Protein backbone atom coordinates (compact mmCIF):
# COMPACT_ATOMS: atom_id res chain seq x y z
CA MET A 1 41.81 -16.45 21.42
CA ALA A 2 38.49 -14.89 21.43
CA ALA A 3 36.31 -15.18 18.39
CA ARG A 4 36.22 -11.91 16.65
CA LYS A 5 32.87 -10.85 15.29
CA VAL A 6 32.96 -8.83 12.07
CA ALA A 7 30.43 -6.08 12.17
CA GLY A 8 28.15 -5.80 9.17
CA SER A 9 29.06 -9.11 7.52
CA GLY A 10 25.38 -10.06 7.21
CA ARG A 11 24.54 -6.72 5.61
CA GLY A 12 27.47 -6.99 3.22
CA ARG A 13 26.36 -10.41 2.04
CA LEU A 14 22.81 -9.18 1.62
CA ALA A 15 24.04 -6.17 -0.36
CA LEU A 16 26.15 -8.43 -2.62
CA LEU A 17 23.22 -10.78 -3.07
CA LEU A 18 20.94 -7.89 -4.04
CA LEU A 19 23.54 -6.48 -6.46
CA ALA A 20 23.98 -9.92 -8.03
CA PHE A 21 20.18 -10.25 -8.35
CA LEU A 22 19.93 -6.82 -9.98
CA ALA A 23 22.76 -7.59 -12.38
CA ILE A 24 21.25 -10.92 -13.42
CA SER A 25 17.77 -9.39 -13.73
CA GLY A 26 19.15 -6.59 -15.87
CA ALA A 27 20.94 -9.09 -18.12
CA VAL A 28 17.78 -11.19 -18.52
CA ILE A 29 15.64 -8.14 -19.32
CA SER A 30 18.23 -6.87 -21.80
CA ARG A 31 18.45 -10.27 -23.52
CA ARG A 32 14.67 -10.53 -23.78
CA SER A 33 14.44 -6.99 -25.19
CA ILE A 34 17.03 -7.84 -27.83
CA GLY A 35 15.11 -11.04 -28.64
CA ILE A 36 11.82 -9.19 -29.02
CA ARG A 37 13.47 -6.59 -31.27
CA GLY A 38 15.01 -9.38 -33.36
CA GLN A 39 11.65 -11.13 -33.62
CA ARG A 40 10.05 -7.90 -34.82
CA ASP A 41 12.78 -7.46 -37.43
CA VAL A 42 12.33 -11.03 -38.67
CA ARG A 43 8.56 -10.54 -38.90
CA ASP A 44 9.03 -7.31 -40.87
CA LEU A 45 11.50 -9.00 -43.21
CA ASP A 46 9.10 -11.92 -43.75
CA ALA A 47 6.31 -9.49 -44.64
CA ARG A 48 8.63 -7.63 -47.03
CA ARG A 49 9.71 -10.92 -48.61
CA ALA A 50 6.08 -11.97 -49.10
CA ALA A 51 5.31 -8.62 -50.73
CA LEU A 52 8.32 -8.96 -53.04
CA VAL A 53 7.33 -12.50 -54.02
CA ALA A 54 3.82 -11.27 -54.85
CA GLU A 55 5.30 -8.41 -56.88
CA ARG A 56 7.57 -10.83 -58.76
CA LEU A 57 4.62 -13.09 -59.61
CA ARG A 58 2.61 -10.09 -60.81
CA LEU A 59 5.49 -8.91 -63.01
CA GLU A 60 6.05 -12.40 -64.43
CA SER A 61 2.36 -12.54 -65.31
CA GLU A 62 2.58 -9.15 -67.03
CA ILE A 63 5.65 -10.32 -68.97
CA ARG A 64 3.83 -13.48 -70.11
CA THR A 65 0.87 -11.40 -71.22
CA ALA A 66 3.00 -8.76 -72.97
CA THR A 67 5.07 -11.35 -74.86
CA SER A 68 2.18 -13.55 -75.92
CA ARG A 69 1.47 -13.90 -79.60
CA ALA A 70 -2.08 -12.64 -79.13
CA HIS A 71 -0.71 -9.38 -77.71
CA LEU A 72 2.22 -8.91 -80.09
CA GLN A 73 0.52 -9.78 -83.38
CA PRO A 74 -1.81 -6.73 -83.52
CA ILE A 75 1.08 -4.45 -82.55
CA ALA A 76 3.32 -5.92 -85.25
CA GLU A 77 0.59 -5.60 -87.87
CA GLN A 78 -0.48 -2.05 -87.00
CA ARG A 79 2.68 -0.25 -85.93
CA LEU A 80 5.31 -2.14 -87.89
CA GLN A 81 3.22 -3.08 -90.95
CA MET A 82 4.27 -6.70 -90.58
CA GLN A 83 2.23 -9.69 -91.71
CA VAL A 84 1.91 -13.30 -90.68
CA PRO A 85 4.35 -15.28 -92.86
CA ALA A 86 3.15 -17.92 -95.25
CA ALA A 87 4.09 -21.52 -94.55
CA ASN A 88 6.89 -21.46 -97.15
CA GLN A 89 8.41 -18.37 -95.47
CA VAL A 90 8.93 -20.06 -92.11
CA PHE A 91 12.31 -21.65 -91.35
CA ASN A 92 12.83 -23.74 -88.25
CA LEU A 93 16.43 -23.53 -87.09
CA PRO A 94 17.92 -26.34 -85.04
CA ARG A 95 19.13 -25.48 -81.58
CA ALA A 96 22.84 -25.43 -80.99
CA ALA A 97 24.05 -28.35 -78.90
CA HIS A 98 25.36 -27.23 -75.53
CA ASP A 99 27.96 -29.18 -73.63
CA THR A 100 26.31 -29.48 -70.26
CA PRO A 101 27.74 -31.75 -67.57
């Protein structure tokens, strides 16, 4: 039998190789694009978290200032006509015991 030569087998392999290369390149580029987008999202979320932490600290500071005795005493005296109690008017109540494990 004579060896039969298939016409175009070299071109077919080259075409398959090029298609495989394009498919793999496209997958790599797509994966990297998704990774870059994810990195950008994480960076934005970190910045938002830092801003929220700073806002929480600012609000906690305002709460401490607003609930301090130095801030509340003039308000109680002026608006509510309250006075500082005498020593015999102060009662210290014991804390209730909590059953904590």
